């Protein structure tokens, strides 16, 4: 069976750096941090008082009235907003596009789902337990992690394959790999894919705090996420949503679609090691990158840029760097590498889609977004600084092929490979 080619024809983004793709990308190239004091709730009693929040989001800007918004968790609101942007950008559903909505699917993901809804309902039950169980009838539909995919499907009458994926921080990369496979196998003409997360509430911040996963650099939120630096002390939690339209090449060309880039491969693996920590030798990371290269039919020497998982945790950054040097050998020193989580924070289930979008735009425009917050005297003896981590300033270079890594609690690893469209 001949596999079909898959291109990206639409993008949408609601992120800590901006509420559209252009603003998010421009601010990333400036090296802007999306971190600041938490506004979603009073975090003064928590160890961490800051996060990378979405700013100035208004559901009404995306066609959701007050009544509908009350029945949607914030993560689903973000998801619908990102999908609206991406579908309008792609013009896939325009009257003259000739698209059969029976053949357009939605594989859209969240690592946690409606955490805020769950938290609210649990609190309400605790307060009123003596009176008997009282729950919002929309509790379950608002909470479950697949409901964003369902809402997108229903809102735009998309009747192709429809489901969510859950693999912690690898979630939206797994969703994109599934979307890629459905399109290249001819199971759909196009798939609306990506991920959304809204975890910046007491349960999210408190839960990660007690694990000692979050940075507690409360005196300087903007510099707290510092991947590959010696003084890194944990990740900065982020939120938002990113949507991409994956479309079969001939379908896109026939309707005259603009093309951001091509998806050429994906890999998946498991660390099979620990519920939260990456394998210290990077075994799962090494395996997933090699599988992605094999699936794409390319050599390590063909890759120009890697957007690393790079969360700013002491163990994770070191193991990923080791995996890169093992897989790419001497070519590792010719690569451009960056961790854009230094700017967006860790968007959990949305992070893979965020970083795939950055890879596509890096290829399209020939510029590598930076890893911010690094000082020359702030080094870790376990990290090889002969590698080009694109510290602090964006870098222009020709990028034909880029690779994005995402690793999740449970040992889930996923890598996607994109190529410049020529």
Protein backbone atom coordinates (compact mmCIF):
# COMPACT_ATOMS: atom_id res chain seq x y z
CA UNK A 1 0.00 0.00 0.00
CA UNK A 2 1.35 3.38 -1.00
CA UNK A 3 1.27 5.85 1.87
CA UNK A 4 -0.13 9.31 1.22
CA UNK A 5 1.77 12.49 2.02
CA UNK A 6 0.57 14.70 4.87
CA UNK A 7 0.89 18.48 5.03
CA UNK A 8 -0.14 21.12 7.57
CA UNK A 9 -2.58 23.66 6.16
CA UNK A 10 -3.87 25.50 9.22
CA UNK A 11 -2.63 26.65 12.64
CA UNK A 12 -4.28 28.04 15.75
CA UNK A 13 -2.88 28.97 19.15
CA UNK A 14 -4.00 30.23 22.56
CA UNK A 15 -0.79 30.42 24.59
CA UNK A 16 1.03 32.24 27.39
CA UNK A 17 2.83 34.23 24.66
CA UNK A 18 -0.28 35.34 22.78
CA UNK A 19 -3.80 34.44 21.71
CA UNK A 20 -2.96 33.76 18.09
CA UNK A 21 -0.14 32.17 16.10
CA UNK A 22 1.47 35.38 14.85
CA UNK A 23 1.74 36.94 18.32
CA UNK A 24 2.94 33.72 19.92
CA UNK A 25 5.66 33.25 17.29
CA UNK A 26 6.78 36.89 17.35
CA UNK A 27 7.11 36.86 21.13
CA UNK A 28 8.99 33.56 21.06
CA UNK A 29 11.51 35.00 18.62
CA UNK A 30 11.95 37.99 20.95
CA UNK A 31 12.76 35.61 23.81
CA UNK A 32 9.79 36.75 25.86
CA UNK A 33 8.76 34.86 28.99
CA UNK A 34 5.08 34.11 29.51
CA UNK A 35 5.54 33.66 33.28
CA UNK A 36 4.03 35.86 35.96
CA UNK A 37 2.08 35.77 39.23
CA UNK A 38 -0.88 33.37 39.25
CA UNK A 39 -4.19 35.19 38.75
CA UNK A 40 -6.58 32.21 38.40
CA UNK A 41 -6.66 31.72 42.19
CA UNK A 42 -4.93 32.91 45.37
CA UNK A 43 -1.65 30.98 45.35
CA UNK A 44 -0.12 32.72 48.35
CA UNK A 45 -0.27 29.59 50.52
CA UNK A 46 1.43 27.44 47.88
CA UNK A 47 5.16 26.96 47.44
CA UNK A 48 4.89 28.26 43.87
CA UNK A 49 3.14 31.58 43.27
CA UNK A 50 3.62 31.91 39.50
CA UNK A 51 2.84 30.21 36.20
CA UNK A 52 2.65 30.78 32.46
CA UNK A 53 -1.01 31.75 32.13
CA UNK A 54 -3.02 32.66 29.04
CA UNK A 55 -3.79 36.39 29.18
CA UNK A 56 -6.96 38.28 28.24
CA UNK A 57 -8.86 35.25 26.95
CA UNK A 58 -12.53 35.92 26.23
CA UNK A 59 -14.66 32.96 25.13
CA UNK A 60 -17.09 35.32 23.37
CA UNK A 61 -14.35 36.19 20.86
CA UNK A 62 -14.60 32.60 19.60
CA UNK A 63 -18.36 32.28 19.32
CA UNK A 64 -19.08 30.85 22.78
CA UNK A 65 -21.83 32.69 24.63
CA UNK A 66 -22.07 32.81 28.43
CA UNK A 67 -24.50 29.89 28.62
CA UNK A 68 -22.30 27.63 26.50
CA UNK A 69 -19.13 28.66 28.35
CA UNK A 70 -20.70 27.67 31.68
CA UNK A 71 -20.98 24.13 30.29
CA UNK A 72 -17.38 23.99 29.10
CA UNK A 73 -14.29 23.56 31.24
CA UNK A 74 -11.64 26.16 30.49
CA UNK A 75 -9.47 23.58 28.71
CA UNK A 76 -12.34 22.90 26.27
CA UNK A 77 -12.87 26.63 25.71
CA UNK A 78 -9.19 26.98 24.80
CA UNK A 79 -9.47 23.96 22.49
CA UNK A 80 -12.48 25.32 20.61
CA UNK A 81 -10.77 28.72 20.22
CA UNK A 82 -7.59 27.13 18.80
CA UNK A 83 -9.62 24.97 16.41
CA UNK A 84 -11.63 27.96 15.19
CA UNK A 85 -8.40 29.77 14.35
CA UNK A 86 -6.86 26.77 12.59
CA UNK A 87 -9.95 25.94 10.53
CA UNK A 88 -10.36 29.55 9.43
CA UNK A 89 -6.65 29.72 8.62
CA UNK A 90 -6.82 26.55 6.52
CA UNK A 91 -10.06 27.49 4.69
CA UNK A 92 -10.69 23.75 4.71
CA UNK A 93 -14.42 24.17 5.33
CA UNK A 94 -15.04 27.10 3.01
CA UNK A 95 -17.90 26.53 0.56
CA UNK A 96 -15.56 26.48 -2.44
CA UNK A 97 -13.07 24.03 -0.86
CA UNK A 98 -15.09 20.96 -1.85
CA UNK A 99 -14.32 19.22 1.43
CA UNK A 100 -16.44 16.23 2.45
CA UNK A 101 -16.99 16.61 6.19
CA UNK A 102 -17.55 12.86 6.47
CA UNK A 103 -13.82 12.51 5.75
CA UNK A 104 -12.55 15.14 8.20
CA UNK A 105 -11.74 13.85 11.67
CA UNK A 106 -10.75 15.28 15.05
CA UNK A 107 -7.97 13.74 17.12
CA UNK A 108 -7.50 16.36 19.79
CA UNK A 109 -6.01 15.73 23.19
CA UNK A 110 -5.63 16.76 26.81
CA UNK A 111 -3.34 15.23 29.37
CA UNK A 112 -5.60 15.97 32.33
CA UNK A 113 -8.89 17.30 30.98
CA UNK A 114 -11.29 19.31 33.11
CA UNK A 115 -9.21 19.56 36.27
CA UNK A 116 -10.91 22.77 37.42
CA UNK A 117 -14.36 21.25 36.94
CA UNK A 118 -13.37 18.18 38.94
CA UNK A 119 -11.92 20.36 41.69
CA UNK A 120 -15.06 22.49 41.89
CA UNK A 121 -17.40 19.51 42.01
CA UNK A 122 -15.30 17.72 44.64
CA UNK A 123 -15.35 20.85 46.79
CA UNK A 124 -19.07 21.28 46.38
CA UNK A 125 -19.70 17.68 47.41
CA UNK A 126 -17.48 18.06 50.48
CA UNK A 127 -19.47 21.11 51.57
CA UNK A 128 -22.87 19.51 51.03
CA UNK A 129 -22.20 15.82 51.70
CA UNK A 130 -24.60 15.75 54.64
CA UNK A 131 -27.45 16.82 52.37
CA UNK A 132 -26.86 13.97 49.94
CA UNK A 133 -25.05 13.94 46.59
CA UNK A 134 -25.59 17.00 44.44
CA UNK A 135 -23.64 17.34 41.23
CA UNK A 136 -23.80 19.53 38.18
CA UNK A 137 -25.44 17.44 35.41
CA UNK A 138 -22.62 18.64 33.14
CA UNK A 139 -19.91 17.48 35.56
CA UNK A 140 -18.80 14.38 33.64
CA UNK A 141 -19.10 15.88 30.13
CA UNK A 142 -17.11 18.92 31.27
CA UNK A 143 -14.38 16.90 32.97
CA UNK A 144 -13.46 14.07 30.62
CA UNK A 145 -10.29 14.48 28.57
CA UNK A 146 -11.85 13.53 25.21
CA UNK A 147 -14.67 16.06 25.29
CA UNK A 148 -12.70 18.79 23.49
CA UNK A 149 -12.46 16.51 20.44
CA UNK A 150 -16.18 15.88 20.69
CA UNK A 151 -17.05 19.57 20.88
CA UNK A 152 -14.85 20.42 17.90
CA UNK A 153 -16.44 17.62 15.89
CA UNK A 154 -19.97 18.70 16.74
CA UNK A 155 -19.37 22.41 16.30
CA UNK A 156 -18.09 22.02 12.73
CA UNK A 157 -20.02 18.82 11.82
CA UNK A 158 -16.86 16.79 11.26
CA UNK A 159 -17.80 13.12 10.99
CA UNK A 160 -14.45 11.43 10.45
CA UNK A 161 -12.42 9.61 13.14
CA UNK A 162 -12.98 11.33 16.47
CA UNK A 163 -11.23 10.68 19.78
CA UNK A 164 -8.84 12.00 22.40
CA UNK A 165 -5.44 10.70 23.43
CA UNK A 166 -3.98 10.69 26.94
CA UNK A 167 -0.26 10.16 27.56
CA UNK A 168 0.58 12.92 30.05
CA UNK A 169 3.01 15.45 28.56
CA UNK A 170 3.39 13.39 25.36
CA UNK A 171 -0.37 13.63 24.78
CA UNK A 172 -0.64 16.05 21.86
CA UNK A 173 2.37 14.55 20.09
CA UNK A 174 0.67 11.16 20.27
CA UNK A 175 -2.50 12.80 18.94
CA UNK A 176 -0.57 14.27 16.01
CA UNK A 177 1.10 10.93 15.25
CA UNK A 178 -2.33 9.27 15.20
CA UNK A 179 -3.64 12.04 12.94
CA UNK A 180 -0.63 11.63 10.66
CA UNK A 181 -1.21 7.89 10.39
CA UNK A 182 -4.95 8.19 9.71
CA UNK A 183 -4.32 10.61 6.86
CA UNK A 184 -1.37 8.79 5.30
CA UNK A 185 -3.29 5.49 5.45
CA UNK A 186 -6.18 7.09 3.58
CA UNK A 187 -8.63 6.88 6.50
CA UNK A 188 -9.34 10.62 6.34
CA UNK A 189 -8.75 13.56 4.01
CA UNK A 190 -7.87 15.80 6.94
CA UNK A 191 -7.64 15.68 10.72
CA UNK A 192 -8.03 18.53 13.19
CA UNK A 193 -5.38 17.75 15.79
CA UNK A 194 -3.50 19.25 18.72
CA UNK A 195 -3.94 19.60 22.45
CA UNK A 196 -5.27 21.77 25.25
CA UNK A 197 -4.63 22.12 28.98
CA UNK A 198 -5.89 24.38 31.79
CA UNK A 199 -4.20 23.09 34.97
CA UNK A 200 -3.38 26.35 36.79
CA UNK A 201 -5.71 25.84 39.71
CA UNK A 202 -5.08 24.64 43.29
CA UNK A 203 -5.15 20.93 42.46
CA UNK A 204 -2.70 21.33 39.60
CA UNK A 205 -0.22 23.63 41.30
CA UNK A 206 -0.54 21.88 44.68
CA UNK A 207 -0.20 18.45 43.12
CA UNK A 208 2.98 19.29 41.24
CA UNK A 209 4.34 21.23 44.22
CA UNK A 210 4.09 18.26 46.57
CA UNK A 211 6.04 16.21 43.99
CA UNK A 212 8.73 18.92 44.03
CA UNK A 213 8.36 19.20 40.25
CA UNK A 214 7.75 22.96 40.02
CA UNK A 215 10.21 25.79 40.27
CA UNK A 216 9.77 27.86 43.43
CA UNK A 217 11.69 30.88 42.17
CA UNK A 218 8.93 33.25 43.30
CA UNK A 219 11.21 36.29 43.33
CA UNK A 220 11.83 36.03 39.58
CA UNK A 221 9.07 34.19 37.68
CA UNK A 222 10.27 35.34 34.25
CA UNK A 223 13.65 33.63 34.72
CA UNK A 224 12.42 30.55 36.56
CA UNK A 225 12.27 28.23 33.54
CA UNK A 226 15.93 27.78 32.62
CA UNK A 227 16.45 24.53 30.72
CA UNK A 228 20.04 23.23 30.54
CA UNK A 229 21.24 25.68 33.20
CA UNK A 230 22.93 24.54 36.38
CA UNK A 231 20.56 26.37 38.72
CA UNK A 232 17.33 24.98 37.24
CA UNK A 233 14.95 23.88 40.00
CA UNK A 234 11.87 22.53 38.23
CA UNK A 235 9.41 23.39 35.50
CA UNK A 236 7.00 26.31 35.26
CA UNK A 237 3.44 25.14 34.74
CA UNK A 238 1.73 26.54 31.66
CA UNK A 239 -1.65 26.39 29.95
CA UNK A 240 -3.22 26.94 26.56
CA UNK A 241 -4.17 25.17 23.35
CA UNK A 242 -2.68 24.63 19.91
CA UNK A 243 -4.44 23.21 16.86
CA UNK A 244 -3.03 22.03 13.53
CA UNK A 245 -4.83 20.88 10.39
CA UNK A 246 -3.18 17.75 8.95
CA UNK A 247 -4.31 17.24 5.36
CA UNK A 248 -3.60 14.78 2.58
CA UNK A 249 -1.32 16.49 0.05
CA UNK A 250 -3.41 15.98 -3.09
CA UNK A 251 -6.55 17.14 -1.29
CA UNK A 252 -4.72 20.29 -0.20
CA UNK A 253 -3.24 20.99 -3.63
CA UNK A 254 -6.57 20.44 -5.37
CA UNK A 255 -8.21 23.21 -3.34
CA UNK A 256 -5.19 25.52 -3.55
CA UNK A 257 -4.43 25.47 0.19
CA UNK A 258 -1.43 27.25 1.65
CA UNK A 259 1.01 24.77 3.17
CA UNK A 260 3.08 25.40 6.30
CA UNK A 261 5.13 22.23 6.06
CA UNK A 262 5.04 18.46 5.71
CA UNK A 263 4.80 15.83 8.42
CA UNK A 264 7.14 12.98 7.52
CA UNK A 265 7.42 10.70 10.54
CA UNK A 266 6.70 9.90 14.14
CA UNK A 267 8.05 7.63 16.82
CA UNK A 268 6.81 6.27 20.15
CA UNK A 269 8.48 4.41 22.99
CA UNK A 270 8.34 3.78 26.73
CA UNK A 271 11.02 4.27 29.35
CA UNK A 272 9.60 1.32 31.36
CA UNK A 273 11.49 2.78 34.29
CA UNK A 274 9.65 5.15 36.70
CA UNK A 275 6.25 6.81 37.03
CA UNK A 276 7.64 10.35 36.82
CA UNK A 277 11.40 10.33 36.20
CA UNK A 278 12.96 9.83 32.79
CA UNK A 279 15.46 7.01 32.40
CA UNK A 280 18.82 8.46 33.58
CA UNK A 281 20.61 7.08 30.50
CA UNK A 282 17.90 8.38 28.19
CA UNK A 283 17.09 4.91 26.84
CA UNK A 284 13.46 5.66 25.99
CA UNK A 285 14.37 9.05 24.52
CA UNK A 286 17.06 7.47 22.39
CA UNK A 287 14.68 4.79 21.14
CA UNK A 288 11.86 7.20 20.28
CA UNK A 289 14.11 9.52 18.25
CA UNK A 290 15.60 6.62 16.32
CA UNK A 291 12.12 5.26 15.57
CA UNK A 292 10.98 8.66 14.35
CA UNK A 293 13.98 8.93 12.02
CA UNK A 294 13.34 5.42 10.70
CA UNK A 295 9.65 6.14 10.13
CA UNK A 296 10.55 9.32 8.23
CA UNK A 297 13.14 7.42 6.17
CA UNK A 298 15.91 9.89 7.00
CA UNK A 299 19.38 9.79 8.54
CA UNK A 300 20.42 11.63 11.69
CA UNK A 301 22.52 13.92 9.46
CA UNK A 302 19.36 15.13 7.71
CA UNK A 303 17.99 16.84 10.84
CA UNK A 304 18.76 20.53 11.35
CA UNK A 305 16.81 21.44 14.47
CA UNK A 306 15.46 19.71 17.59
CA UNK A 307 12.89 21.31 19.85
CA UNK A 308 13.71 19.35 22.99
CA UNK A 309 11.36 18.36 25.79
CA UNK A 310 13.73 20.36 28.04
CA UNK A 311 11.47 21.07 31.01
CA UNK A 312 14.13 22.63 33.28
CA UNK A 313 14.22 19.66 35.67
CA UNK A 314 17.57 18.41 37.00
CA UNK A 315 17.29 14.81 35.74
CA UNK A 316 15.19 15.23 32.60
CA UNK A 317 17.41 17.74 30.80
CA UNK A 318 20.56 15.66 31.34
CA UNK A 319 19.04 12.41 30.11
CA UNK A 320 17.64 14.03 26.96
CA UNK A 321 20.99 15.57 26.07
CA UNK A 322 22.65 12.19 26.52
CA UNK A 323 20.08 10.60 24.22
CA UNK A 324 20.68 13.25 21.54
CA UNK A 325 24.44 12.72 21.54
CA UNK A 326 23.92 8.94 21.40
CA UNK A 327 21.52 9.10 18.44
CA UNK A 328 23.15 11.90 16.42
CA UNK A 329 26.83 11.32 17.21
CA UNK A 330 29.12 13.95 15.68
CA UNK A 331 26.17 15.53 13.89
CA UNK A 332 24.73 16.54 17.29
CA UNK A 333 27.23 19.40 17.28
CA UNK A 334 25.89 20.69 13.94
CA UNK A 335 22.28 20.74 15.16
CA UNK A 336 20.40 23.72 16.50
CA UNK A 337 18.62 22.80 19.73
CA UNK A 338 16.22 24.82 21.84
CA UNK A 339 13.69 24.44 24.62
CA UNK A 340 10.80 26.83 24.04
CA UNK A 341 9.36 25.80 27.43
CA UNK A 342 11.75 28.42 28.78
CA UNK A 343 9.20 30.90 27.38
CA UNK A 344 5.81 29.13 27.31
CA UNK A 345 6.29 27.09 30.45
CA UNK A 346 5.29 23.44 30.38
CA UNK A 347 1.83 23.29 28.80
CA UNK A 348 1.49 19.60 29.70
CA UNK A 349 -0.90 17.93 27.24
CA UNK A 350 -0.73 20.92 24.88
CA UNK A 351 3.05 21.17 24.82
CA UNK A 352 3.70 18.75 21.95
CA UNK A 353 1.40 20.66 19.63
CA UNK A 354 2.96 23.96 20.72
CA UNK A 355 6.45 22.72 19.90
CA UNK A 356 5.43 21.09 16.62
CA UNK A 357 4.01 24.47 15.58
CA UNK A 358 7.34 26.10 16.48
CA UNK A 359 9.19 23.48 14.42
CA UNK A 360 6.98 24.12 11.39
CA UNK A 361 7.51 27.87 11.57
CA UNK A 362 11.23 27.43 12.18
CA UNK A 363 11.46 25.43 8.95
CA UNK A 364 9.23 27.83 7.03
CA UNK A 365 11.04 31.01 8.11
CA UNK A 366 14.57 29.75 8.68
CA UNK A 367 14.92 30.83 12.28
CA UNK A 368 15.41 28.91 15.54
CA UNK A 369 13.54 30.20 18.61
CA UNK A 370 15.78 30.55 21.67
CA UNK A 371 16.26 28.85 25.02
CA UNK A 372 16.08 31.84 27.35
CA UNK A 373 17.30 32.46 30.90
CA UNK A 374 20.82 31.02 30.58
CA UNK A 375 23.92 32.70 31.97
CA UNK A 376 27.45 31.73 30.91
CA UNK A 377 28.46 31.01 34.50
CA UNK A 378 25.37 28.90 35.22
CA UNK A 379 26.42 25.48 33.98
CA UNK A 380 25.77 21.84 34.83
CA UNK A 381 28.83 19.61 34.65
CA UNK A 382 26.64 16.82 33.24
CA UNK A 383 25.61 18.82 30.15
CA UNK A 384 27.81 19.22 27.07
CA UNK A 385 27.81 22.94 26.25
CA UNK A 386 29.57 22.34 22.95
CA UNK A 387 26.05 21.61 21.71
CA UNK A 388 24.18 24.61 20.29
CA UNK A 389 21.25 25.21 22.66
CA UNK A 390 20.43 28.56 21.02
CA UNK A 391 20.75 30.32 24.34
CA UNK A 392 18.94 33.63 24.84
CA UNK A 393 18.72 34.79 21.22
CA UNK A 394 16.95 33.43 18.14
CA UNK A 395 19.25 32.23 15.38
CA UNK A 396 18.79 32.35 11.61
CA UNK A 397 19.72 29.22 9.68
CA UNK A 398 18.38 27.01 6.92
CA UNK A 399 16.14 24.35 8.45
CA UNK A 400 14.86 21.62 6.18
CA UNK A 401 13.93 19.03 8.80
CA UNK A 402 13.01 19.55 12.45
CA UNK A 403 12.21 17.12 15.21
CA UNK A 404 10.15 17.66 18.38
CA UNK A 405 10.48 15.53 21.53
CA UNK A 406 7.86 15.10 24.24
CA UNK A 407 8.10 12.83 27.27
CA UNK A 408 5.34 12.17 29.82
CA UNK A 409 4.76 10.78 33.29
CA UNK A 410 4.39 7.03 32.98
CA UNK A 411 7.41 6.84 30.72
CA UNK A 412 5.54 7.83 27.56
CA UNK A 413 7.81 9.16 24.79
CA UNK A 414 6.71 10.61 21.45
CA UNK A 415 8.65 12.36 18.68
CA UNK A 416 7.32 13.95 15.50
CA UNK A 417 9.33 14.97 12.42
CA UNK A 418 8.39 17.84 10.11
CA UNK A 419 9.91 19.09 6.87
CA UNK A 420 10.09 22.41 5.11
CA UNK A 421 7.61 22.71 2.26
CA UNK A 422 9.26 23.51 -1.05
